[in-house]
């Protein structure tokens, strides 16, 4: 019910925009966010946004990533700039930590 897209291979310093599309019921959750999981590591928070517009970012992405959601279009975005090799991971969107997408791979080459 959540589908991510927009991942790919990019050079360090480049940009990507991830999208998360879902049904309307998904976007009724107050908190929606992005997580990522690198090989051999635990899944970690990237950013989340509430329905009221409150946003929280992981320290590692502050100033480089921007999260946004459009409830009218049932879509959430993650704009990623100044990408680093350590951003390489599978990125997942979540609605309330209850529903998860299948993930999209982001690979940043040095």
N, C-alpha and C. Protein backbone atom coordinates (compact mmCIF):
# COMPACT_ATOMS: atom_id res chain seq x y z
N UNK A 1 0.82 -1.21 0.00
CA UNK A 1 0.00 0.00 0.00
C UNK A 1 0.85 1.25 0.00
N UNK A 2 2.15 1.12 0.19
CA UNK A 2 3.09 2.21 0.04
C UNK A 2 4.12 1.76 -0.97
N UNK A 3 4.38 2.60 -1.95
CA UNK A 3 5.31 2.24 -3.02
C UNK A 3 6.32 3.36 -3.18
N UNK A 4 7.60 3.01 -2.97
CA UNK A 4 8.67 3.98 -3.15
C UNK A 4 9.18 3.93 -4.60
N UNK A 5 9.71 5.05 -5.04
CA UNK A 5 10.37 5.11 -6.34
C UNK A 5 11.39 6.23 -6.30
N UNK A 6 12.26 6.23 -7.31
CA UNK A 6 13.22 7.31 -7.43
C UNK A 6 14.63 6.97 -7.03
N UNK A 7 14.85 5.77 -6.52
CA UNK A 7 16.21 5.39 -6.16
C UNK A 7 17.07 5.18 -7.39
N UNK A 8 18.36 4.99 -7.14
CA UNK A 8 19.27 4.75 -8.25
C UNK A 8 20.70 4.92 -7.84
N UNK A 9 21.56 4.99 -8.85
CA UNK A 9 22.99 5.16 -8.65
C UNK A 9 23.36 6.60 -8.97
N UNK A 10 24.08 7.23 -8.06
CA UNK A 10 24.47 8.63 -8.26
C UNK A 10 25.88 8.82 -7.70
N UNK A 11 26.61 9.76 -8.26
CA UNK A 11 27.94 10.07 -7.75
C UNK A 11 27.85 10.93 -6.50
N UNK A 12 28.88 10.85 -5.69
CA UNK A 12 28.93 11.69 -4.49
C UNK A 12 28.77 13.15 -4.88
N UNK A 13 27.97 13.85 -4.10
CA UNK A 13 27.67 15.25 -4.40
C UNK A 13 26.43 15.45 -5.22
N UNK A 14 25.90 14.37 -5.74
CA UNK A 14 24.71 14.44 -6.58
C UNK A 14 23.42 14.48 -5.77
N UNK A 15 22.32 14.44 -6.50
CA UNK A 15 21.00 14.54 -5.88
C UNK A 15 20.05 13.46 -6.40
N UNK A 16 19.12 13.11 -5.58
CA UNK A 16 18.03 12.21 -5.96
C UNK A 16 16.78 12.66 -5.21
N UNK A 17 15.63 12.38 -5.80
CA UNK A 17 14.37 12.62 -5.11
C UNK A 17 13.59 11.32 -5.05
N UNK A 18 13.29 10.89 -3.85
CA UNK A 18 12.49 9.70 -3.64
C UNK A 18 11.02 10.09 -3.49
N UNK A 19 10.16 9.24 -3.99
CA UNK A 19 8.72 9.44 -3.85
C UNK A 19 8.11 8.23 -3.15
N UNK A 20 7.06 8.48 -2.42
CA UNK A 20 6.32 7.41 -1.75
C UNK A 20 4.85 7.66 -2.03
N UNK A 21 4.24 6.75 -2.75
CA UNK A 21 2.83 6.88 -3.10
C UNK A 21 2.02 5.84 -2.34
N UNK A 22 0.86 6.25 -1.88
CA UNK A 22 0.04 5.32 -1.13
C UNK A 22 -1.43 5.62 -1.26
N UNK A 23 -2.22 4.77 -0.67
CA UNK A 23 -3.65 4.99 -0.66
C UNK A 23 -3.99 6.10 0.34
N UNK A 24 -5.18 6.60 0.23
CA UNK A 24 -5.57 7.68 1.12
C UNK A 24 -5.52 7.29 2.58
N UNK A 25 -5.82 6.04 2.87
CA UNK A 25 -5.81 5.59 4.26
C UNK A 25 -4.41 5.70 4.87
N UNK A 26 -3.39 5.55 4.04
CA UNK A 26 -2.02 5.66 4.54
C UNK A 26 -1.76 7.09 5.01
N UNK A 27 -2.24 8.04 4.26
CA UNK A 27 -1.91 9.42 4.56
C UNK A 27 -2.80 10.03 5.63
N UNK A 28 -3.63 9.20 6.24
CA UNK A 28 -4.36 9.67 7.42
C UNK A 28 -3.53 9.50 8.68
N UNK A 29 -2.41 8.79 8.57
CA UNK A 29 -1.53 8.67 9.72
C UNK A 29 -0.91 10.02 10.03
N UNK A 30 -0.80 10.34 11.31
CA UNK A 30 -0.22 11.62 11.70
C UNK A 30 1.25 11.70 11.28
N UNK A 31 1.98 10.64 11.55
CA UNK A 31 3.41 10.65 11.29
C UNK A 31 3.73 9.77 10.09
N UNK A 32 4.42 10.34 9.14
CA UNK A 32 4.94 9.58 8.01
C UNK A 32 6.42 9.89 7.89
N UNK A 33 7.17 8.90 7.44
CA UNK A 33 8.60 9.16 7.41
C UNK A 33 9.37 8.25 6.48
N UNK A 34 10.66 8.50 6.49
CA UNK A 34 11.61 7.72 5.71
C UNK A 34 12.63 7.10 6.66
N UNK A 35 12.92 5.83 6.42
CA UNK A 35 13.98 5.12 7.11
C UNK A 35 14.92 4.56 6.05
N UNK A 36 16.10 4.16 6.48
CA UNK A 36 17.03 3.52 5.57
C UNK A 36 17.78 2.40 6.28
N UNK A 37 18.22 1.46 5.49
CA UNK A 37 18.99 0.35 6.04
C UNK A 37 20.14 0.02 5.10
N UNK A 38 21.33 0.17 5.63
CA UNK A 38 22.54 -0.17 4.88
C UNK A 38 22.90 -1.62 5.17
N UNK A 39 23.65 -2.26 4.30
CA UNK A 39 24.04 -3.66 4.52
C UNK A 39 24.74 -3.85 5.86
N UNK A 40 24.28 -4.81 6.62
CA UNK A 40 24.90 -5.12 7.90
C UNK A 40 24.57 -4.17 9.02
N UNK A 41 23.68 -3.22 8.76
CA UNK A 41 23.32 -2.24 9.78
C UNK A 41 21.83 -2.29 10.07
N UNK A 42 21.47 -1.72 11.21
CA UNK A 42 20.06 -1.65 11.57
C UNK A 42 19.35 -0.56 10.77
N UNK A 43 18.06 -0.73 10.62
CA UNK A 43 17.26 0.30 9.96
C UNK A 43 17.28 1.55 10.85
N UNK A 44 17.46 2.70 10.23
CA UNK A 44 17.56 3.94 11.01
C UNK A 44 16.64 5.01 10.41
N UNK A 45 16.23 5.91 11.30
CA UNK A 45 15.38 7.02 10.88
C UNK A 45 16.17 7.99 10.01
N UNK A 46 15.54 8.43 8.94
CA UNK A 46 16.10 9.51 8.12
C UNK A 46 15.37 10.82 8.43
N UNK A 47 14.05 10.78 8.34
CA UNK A 47 13.26 11.97 8.62
C UNK A 47 11.81 11.58 8.77
N UNK A 48 11.05 12.38 9.50
CA UNK A 48 9.62 12.18 9.53
C UNK A 48 8.91 13.53 9.53
N UNK A 49 7.66 13.50 9.11
CA UNK A 49 6.85 14.71 9.06
C UNK A 49 5.47 14.37 9.58
N UNK A 50 4.93 15.23 10.42
CA UNK A 50 3.59 15.03 10.93
C UNK A 50 2.57 15.70 10.02
N UNK A 51 1.32 15.36 10.22
CA UNK A 51 0.26 15.97 9.42
C UNK A 51 0.18 17.47 9.69
N UNK A 52 0.67 17.89 10.85
CA UNK A 52 0.69 19.31 11.17
C UNK A 52 1.91 20.04 10.64
N UNK A 53 2.81 19.30 10.01
CA UNK A 53 3.98 19.92 9.40
C UNK A 53 5.24 19.92 10.24
N UNK A 54 5.20 19.29 11.40
CA UNK A 54 6.42 19.22 12.21
C UNK A 54 7.37 18.21 11.58
N UNK A 55 8.62 18.61 11.44
CA UNK A 55 9.61 17.78 10.75
C UNK A 55 10.81 17.52 11.65
N UNK A 56 11.29 16.31 11.59
CA UNK A 56 12.50 15.92 12.32
C UNK A 56 13.43 15.19 11.36
N UNK A 57 14.72 15.55 11.43
CA UNK A 57 15.73 14.90 10.60
C UNK A 57 16.77 14.22 11.48
N UNK A 58 17.33 13.14 10.98
CA UNK A 58 18.52 12.58 11.60
C UNK A 58 19.66 13.58 11.44
N UNK A 59 20.53 13.62 12.44
CA UNK A 59 21.65 14.57 12.37
C UNK A 59 22.48 14.38 11.11
N UNK A 60 22.58 13.14 10.67
CA UNK A 60 23.45 12.83 9.53
C UNK A 60 22.94 13.40 8.22
N UNK A 61 21.68 13.80 8.16
CA UNK A 61 21.13 14.30 6.89
C UNK A 61 20.66 15.75 6.98
N UNK A 62 20.72 16.33 8.16
CA UNK A 62 20.27 17.72 8.31
C UNK A 62 21.03 18.64 7.37
N UNK A 63 20.27 19.52 6.72
CA UNK A 63 20.87 20.47 5.80
C UNK A 63 21.07 19.91 4.40
N UNK A 64 20.88 18.61 4.23
CA UNK A 64 21.07 18.00 2.90
C UNK A 64 19.78 17.39 2.36
N UNK A 65 18.95 16.86 3.25
CA UNK A 65 17.72 16.20 2.84
C UNK A 65 16.51 17.06 3.22
N UNK A 66 15.45 16.95 2.42
CA UNK A 66 14.21 17.65 2.71
C UNK A 66 13.04 16.70 2.53
N UNK A 67 12.25 16.58 3.56
CA UNK A 67 11.06 15.73 3.50
C UNK A 67 9.83 16.59 3.30
N UNK A 68 8.88 16.07 2.55
CA UNK A 68 7.62 16.78 2.37
C UNK A 68 6.52 15.76 2.09
N UNK A 69 5.30 16.17 2.34
CA UNK A 69 4.17 15.29 2.05
C UNK A 69 3.05 16.12 1.44
N UNK A 70 2.32 15.50 0.55
CA UNK A 70 1.17 16.12 -0.09
C UNK A 70 -0.01 15.19 0.14
N UNK A 71 -0.77 15.47 1.18
CA UNK A 71 -1.87 14.58 1.53
C UNK A 71 -2.94 14.54 0.44
N UNK A 72 -3.12 15.62 -0.25
CA UNK A 72 -4.14 15.66 -1.31
C UNK A 72 -3.79 14.71 -2.44
N UNK A 73 -2.49 14.49 -2.64
CA UNK A 73 -2.05 13.60 -3.72
C UNK A 73 -1.54 12.27 -3.18
N UNK A 74 -1.68 12.07 -1.86
CA UNK A 74 -1.24 10.80 -1.24
C UNK A 74 0.20 10.47 -1.60
N UNK A 75 1.05 11.47 -1.48
CA UNK A 75 2.45 11.29 -1.86
C UNK A 75 3.37 11.97 -0.85
N UNK A 76 4.50 11.35 -0.62
CA UNK A 76 5.53 11.92 0.24
C UNK A 76 6.84 11.89 -0.53
N UNK A 77 7.68 12.87 -0.28
CA UNK A 77 8.93 12.99 -1.01
C UNK A 77 10.11 13.09 -0.05
N UNK A 78 11.27 12.72 -0.57
CA UNK A 78 12.52 12.95 0.14
C UNK A 78 13.52 13.48 -0.89
N UNK A 79 13.77 14.78 -0.82
CA UNK A 79 14.76 15.39 -1.69
C UNK A 79 16.11 15.23 -1.03
N UNK A 80 17.05 14.60 -1.73
CA UNK A 80 18.37 14.32 -1.16
C UNK A 80 19.43 15.03 -2.00
N UNK A 81 20.13 15.95 -1.37
CA UNK A 81 21.20 16.69 -2.03
C UNK A 81 22.54 16.38 -1.37
N UNK A 82 23.60 16.73 -2.06
CA UNK A 82 24.96 16.54 -1.53
C UNK A 82 25.14 15.13 -0.99
N UNK A 83 24.74 14.17 -1.78
CA UNK A 83 24.79 12.78 -1.33
C UNK A 83 26.21 12.31 -1.09
N UNK A 84 26.35 11.45 -0.09
CA UNK A 84 27.64 10.89 0.30
C UNK A 84 27.59 9.37 0.18
N UNK A 85 28.74 8.73 0.01
CA UNK A 85 28.74 7.26 -0.06
C UNK A 85 28.07 6.61 1.15
N UNK A 86 28.16 7.24 2.31
CA UNK A 86 27.53 6.66 3.49
C UNK A 86 26.01 6.78 3.49
N UNK A 87 25.46 7.46 2.50
CA UNK A 87 24.00 7.49 2.34
C UNK A 87 23.49 6.26 1.60
N UNK A 88 24.40 5.44 1.09
CA UNK A 88 24.01 4.23 0.38
C UNK A 88 23.21 3.31 1.29
N UNK A 89 22.01 2.95 0.86
CA UNK A 89 21.12 2.12 1.66
C UNK A 89 19.85 1.84 0.87
N UNK A 90 19.03 0.95 1.42
CA UNK A 90 17.67 0.81 0.93
C UNK A 90 16.81 1.77 1.75
N UNK A 91 16.05 2.59 1.06
CA UNK A 91 15.22 3.60 1.71
C UNK A 91 13.76 3.13 1.72
N UNK A 92 13.15 3.23 2.89
CA UNK A 92 11.77 2.79 3.08
C UNK A 92 10.91 3.95 3.54
N UNK A 93 9.70 4.03 3.03
CA UNK A 93 8.75 4.99 3.59
C UNK A 93 7.81 4.23 4.51
N UNK A 94 7.30 4.93 5.48
CA UNK A 94 6.42 4.33 6.46
C UNK A 94 5.29 5.28 6.83
N UNK A 95 4.16 4.66 7.11
CA UNK A 95 3.02 5.41 7.62
C UNK A 95 2.81 4.95 9.06
N UNK A 96 3.15 5.80 9.99
CA UNK A 96 2.93 5.50 11.38
C UNK A 96 3.71 4.34 11.94
N UNK A 97 4.76 3.93 11.26
CA UNK A 97 5.55 2.75 11.62
C UNK A 97 4.71 1.48 11.60
N UNK A 98 3.56 1.58 10.98
CA UNK A 98 2.66 0.42 10.87
C UNK A 98 2.73 -0.17 9.47
N UNK A 99 2.71 0.69 8.49
CA UNK A 99 2.77 0.27 7.09
C UNK A 99 4.11 0.69 6.50
N UNK A 100 4.68 -0.21 5.71
CA UNK A 100 5.99 0.04 5.11
C UNK A 100 5.95 -0.27 3.63
N UNK A 101 6.74 0.49 2.88
CA UNK A 101 6.92 0.16 1.48
C UNK A 101 7.95 -0.94 1.33
N UNK A 102 8.19 -1.32 0.08
CA UNK A 102 9.11 -2.41 -0.21
C UNK A 102 10.56 -1.94 -0.25
N UNK A 103 10.76 -0.64 -0.31
CA UNK A 103 12.11 -0.08 -0.31
C UNK A 103 12.61 0.23 -1.71
N UNK A 104 13.48 1.21 -1.78
CA UNK A 104 14.13 1.56 -3.03
C UNK A 104 15.63 1.77 -2.75
N UNK A 105 16.45 1.21 -3.61
CA UNK A 105 17.90 1.23 -3.40
C UNK A 105 18.49 2.57 -3.83
N UNK A 106 19.29 3.14 -2.96
CA UNK A 106 20.08 4.33 -3.29
C UNK A 106 21.55 3.97 -3.13
N UNK A 107 22.31 4.15 -4.19
CA UNK A 107 23.73 3.85 -4.16
C UNK A 107 24.50 5.10 -4.56
N UNK A 108 25.42 5.52 -3.69
CA UNK A 108 26.21 6.72 -3.95
C UNK A 108 27.66 6.29 -4.12
N UNK A 109 28.20 6.54 -5.29
CA UNK A 109 29.58 6.15 -5.58
C UNK A 109 30.53 7.30 -5.24
N UNK A 110 31.73 6.93 -4.83
CA UNK A 110 32.72 7.94 -4.45
C UNK A 110 33.56 8.36 -5.63
